[in-house]
């Protein structure tokens, strides 16, 4: 990472210097114009969690990256659950308005019901996923704990584990992602087959 920072133009900020510019070396450019879909946003937060967890473990800066990695994973999970709820409504040919709110505990039962309705013969152990969601919900009930040190009343947000194994979290989130992302892909494919 130091090589990356050393390669940047770190002269003092100039008046009128833009944050968003389109030019630069090929490897410096992130192309977002070809896909601004919900799926891309969802996948991006899972990949961000993975990249941050990898850098935390292999870069030796676990203590600095734990909060953004946990936030990215939690946000991916929230977006994925909301997308599964919408897919379930589309599967049942109901109005597919996206749910609001950040409480995973409120979103998971609806997402689980959508998956189970679409795949009634699936033997996946959804109780294991429920336990992970419950644990994450206890640590960060409303998507605030990993973003802010203190709540609106000034109390410390984090009231949970003091030592966190980032490699284990990455592994568990991959296991959850395999099921939930797979369910979303499967539901989407079934609807395309049905409607196509």
Protein backbone atom coordinates (compact mmCIF):
# COMPACT_ATOMS: atom_id res chain seq x y z
CA UNK A 1 0.00 0.00 0.00
CA UNK A 2 2.89 2.36 0.69
CA UNK A 3 4.07 1.92 -2.91
CA UNK A 4 0.61 2.93 -4.09
CA UNK A 5 0.55 6.03 -1.88
CA UNK A 6 4.08 6.95 -2.89
CA UNK A 7 3.04 6.83 -6.57
CA UNK A 8 0.26 9.40 -6.12
CA UNK A 9 0.48 13.11 -6.83
CA UNK A 10 0.36 14.41 -3.27
CA UNK A 11 1.14 18.04 -3.96
CA UNK A 12 -1.04 20.48 -1.97
CA UNK A 13 -4.65 20.66 -3.10
CA UNK A 14 -5.12 23.35 -5.73
CA UNK A 15 -8.11 25.68 -6.02
CA UNK A 16 -10.58 24.17 -8.47
CA UNK A 17 -9.00 20.70 -8.39
CA UNK A 18 -11.73 18.17 -9.19
CA UNK A 19 -12.33 14.98 -7.27
CA UNK A 20 -13.92 13.09 -10.18
CA UNK A 21 -11.81 13.05 -13.35
CA UNK A 22 -12.10 10.63 -16.25
CA UNK A 23 -8.55 10.55 -17.53
CA UNK A 24 -5.61 8.62 -16.18
CA UNK A 25 -3.67 5.41 -16.55
CA UNK A 26 -5.71 2.41 -17.62
CA UNK A 27 -5.39 0.62 -14.27
CA UNK A 28 -6.49 3.76 -12.41
CA UNK A 29 -9.91 3.99 -14.09
CA UNK A 30 -13.04 2.40 -12.65
CA UNK A 31 -15.74 2.07 -15.31
CA UNK A 32 -19.20 2.48 -13.86
CA UNK A 33 -21.19 3.67 -16.86
CA UNK A 34 -21.76 0.21 -18.33
CA UNK A 35 -23.59 -1.19 -15.30
CA UNK A 36 -25.31 0.73 -12.53
CA UNK A 37 -27.66 -2.10 -11.67
CA UNK A 38 -28.74 -3.12 -8.21
CA UNK A 39 -26.82 -6.37 -8.65
CA UNK A 40 -23.61 -4.44 -9.26
CA UNK A 41 -24.09 -2.44 -6.07
CA UNK A 42 -24.77 -5.61 -4.09
CA UNK A 43 -21.75 -7.43 -5.49
CA UNK A 44 -19.55 -4.38 -4.96
CA UNK A 45 -20.11 -4.35 -1.21
CA UNK A 46 -19.34 -8.07 -0.90
CA UNK A 47 -16.15 -7.58 -2.90
CA UNK A 48 -15.24 -4.55 -0.79
CA UNK A 49 -15.64 -6.62 2.37
CA UNK A 50 -13.47 -9.35 0.85
CA UNK A 51 -10.77 -6.89 -0.24
CA UNK A 52 -10.73 -5.14 3.12
CA UNK A 53 -10.63 -8.43 5.04
CA UNK A 54 -7.80 -9.67 2.81
CA UNK A 55 -5.85 -6.45 3.31
CA UNK A 56 -6.53 -6.53 7.04
CA UNK A 57 -5.19 -10.06 7.40
CA UNK A 58 -2.33 -9.91 4.89
CA UNK A 59 -1.43 -6.26 5.29
CA UNK A 60 -1.15 -6.40 9.06
CA UNK A 61 -3.60 -3.57 9.64
CA UNK A 62 -6.52 -5.53 11.08
CA UNK A 63 -7.31 -2.92 13.71
CA UNK A 64 -7.78 -0.17 11.12
CA UNK A 65 -9.80 -2.10 8.56
CA UNK A 66 -12.14 -4.03 10.84
CA UNK A 67 -14.92 -1.41 10.83
CA UNK A 68 -15.05 -0.74 7.08
CA UNK A 69 -14.83 -4.48 6.34
CA UNK A 70 -17.66 -5.30 8.75
CA UNK A 71 -19.75 -2.42 7.41
CA UNK A 72 -19.22 -3.57 3.81
CA UNK A 73 -20.23 -7.14 4.66
CA UNK A 74 -23.25 -6.00 6.64
CA UNK A 75 -24.35 -3.63 3.88
CA UNK A 76 -23.98 -6.40 1.28
CA UNK A 77 -26.18 -8.63 3.42
CA UNK A 78 -28.83 -5.93 3.83
CA UNK A 79 -28.91 -5.24 0.09
CA UNK A 80 -28.99 -8.94 -0.74
CA UNK A 81 -31.90 -9.62 1.64
CA UNK A 82 -33.85 -6.70 0.19
CA UNK A 83 -33.22 -7.97 -3.34
CA UNK A 84 -34.42 -11.46 -2.38
CA UNK A 85 -37.62 -9.98 -0.97
CA UNK A 86 -38.23 -8.12 -4.23
CA UNK A 87 -37.44 -11.24 -6.27
CA UNK A 88 -39.92 -13.19 -4.15
CA UNK A 89 -42.62 -10.64 -4.86
CA UNK A 90 -41.82 -10.71 -8.57
CA UNK A 91 -41.93 -14.52 -8.50
CA UNK A 92 -45.41 -14.35 -6.97
CA UNK A 93 -46.31 -11.60 -9.48
CA UNK A 94 -47.01 -9.08 -6.72
CA UNK A 95 -46.03 -5.40 -6.73
CA UNK A 96 -42.31 -5.48 -6.12
CA UNK A 97 -41.64 -2.40 -4.03
CA UNK A 98 -38.29 -2.59 -2.27
CA UNK A 99 -38.44 -2.82 1.52
CA UNK A 100 -37.09 0.00 3.64
CA UNK A 101 -35.26 -0.04 6.95
CA UNK A 102 -31.92 -1.46 7.99
CA UNK A 103 -32.84 -4.16 10.50
CA UNK A 104 -31.59 -7.49 9.22
CA UNK A 105 -33.82 -9.29 11.72
CA UNK A 106 -36.87 -7.79 9.98
CA UNK A 107 -35.61 -8.50 6.47
CA UNK A 108 -34.40 -12.08 6.88
CA UNK A 109 -37.76 -13.78 7.55
CA UNK A 110 -39.20 -12.26 4.37
CA UNK A 111 -36.12 -13.13 2.31
CA UNK A 112 -36.06 -16.67 3.72
CA UNK A 113 -39.75 -17.15 2.89
CA UNK A 114 -39.08 -15.97 -0.68
CA UNK A 115 -36.21 -18.44 -1.10
CA UNK A 116 -38.16 -21.32 0.41
CA UNK A 117 -41.16 -20.59 -1.84
CA UNK A 118 -38.99 -20.54 -4.95
CA UNK A 119 -37.00 -23.65 -3.96
CA UNK A 120 -39.35 -25.78 -1.82
CA UNK A 121 -37.23 -28.93 -2.17
CA UNK A 122 -33.93 -27.27 -1.22
CA UNK A 123 -32.28 -28.81 1.83
CA UNK A 124 -30.15 -25.79 2.74
CA UNK A 125 -29.79 -25.24 6.48
CA UNK A 126 -31.31 -21.79 6.70
CA UNK A 127 -31.12 -21.94 10.49
CA UNK A 128 -27.33 -21.65 10.21
CA UNK A 129 -27.76 -18.47 8.15
CA UNK A 130 -30.36 -17.25 10.65
CA UNK A 131 -27.78 -17.62 13.43
CA UNK A 132 -25.21 -15.57 11.51
CA UNK A 133 -27.79 -12.87 10.76
CA UNK A 134 -28.87 -12.84 14.40
CA UNK A 135 -25.28 -12.45 15.59
CA UNK A 136 -24.61 -9.64 13.13
CA UNK A 137 -27.89 -7.98 14.07
CA UNK A 138 -26.95 -8.02 17.73
CA UNK A 139 -23.61 -6.40 16.97
CA UNK A 140 -25.08 -3.81 14.56
CA UNK A 141 -28.88 -3.64 14.73
CA UNK A 142 -29.43 -0.63 12.46
CA UNK A 143 -26.26 -0.33 10.36
CA UNK A 144 -24.72 2.26 12.67
CA UNK A 145 -22.24 0.36 14.86
CA UNK A 146 -19.57 -0.19 12.22
CA UNK A 147 -19.97 3.31 10.76
CA UNK A 148 -19.99 5.52 13.85
CA UNK A 149 -18.10 5.31 17.13
CA UNK A 150 -21.02 6.85 19.05
CA UNK A 151 -24.78 6.89 18.66
CA UNK A 152 -26.93 10.01 18.53
CA UNK A 153 -27.14 10.08 22.32
CA UNK A 154 -23.34 10.04 22.58
CA UNK A 155 -23.01 6.49 23.90
CA UNK A 156 -20.37 4.15 22.48
CA UNK A 157 -21.93 2.11 19.67
CA UNK A 158 -19.82 -1.04 19.90
CA UNK A 159 -21.01 -3.29 22.67
CA UNK A 160 -19.72 -6.66 21.61
CA UNK A 161 -16.60 -8.64 20.93
CA UNK A 162 -13.31 -6.89 21.48
CA UNK A 163 -11.17 -9.20 19.34
CA UNK A 164 -12.43 -10.24 15.91
CA UNK A 165 -10.91 -12.87 13.62
CA UNK A 166 -11.16 -11.22 10.21
CA UNK A 167 -10.23 -14.35 8.25
CA UNK A 168 -13.02 -16.27 9.96
CA UNK A 169 -15.53 -13.50 9.25
CA UNK A 170 -14.54 -13.51 5.58
CA UNK A 171 -14.98 -17.30 5.42
CA UNK A 172 -18.39 -17.22 7.09
CA UNK A 173 -19.62 -14.39 4.87
CA UNK A 174 -18.51 -16.35 1.77
CA UNK A 175 -20.57 -19.32 2.96
CA UNK A 176 -23.60 -17.07 3.45
CA UNK A 177 -22.99 -15.43 0.07
CA UNK A 178 -22.86 -18.76 -1.73
CA UNK A 179 -26.39 -19.53 -0.56
CA UNK A 180 -27.98 -16.08 -0.82
CA UNK A 181 -26.34 -14.99 -4.06
CA UNK A 182 -27.05 -18.43 -5.52
CA UNK A 183 -30.71 -18.15 -4.51
CA UNK A 184 -30.96 -14.70 -6.08
CA UNK A 185 -29.35 -15.89 -9.31
CA UNK A 186 -31.61 -18.94 -9.40
CA UNK A 187 -34.77 -16.94 -8.77
CA UNK A 188 -33.81 -14.43 -11.43
CA UNK A 189 -33.15 -17.21 -13.94
CA UNK A 190 -36.44 -18.96 -13.15
CA UNK A 191 -38.36 -15.72 -13.73
CA UNK A 192 -36.58 -15.11 -17.03
CA UNK A 193 -37.50 -18.64 -18.13
CA UNK A 194 -41.08 -18.17 -17.03
CA UNK A 195 -41.47 -14.72 -18.60
CA UNK A 196 -39.33 -15.34 -21.65
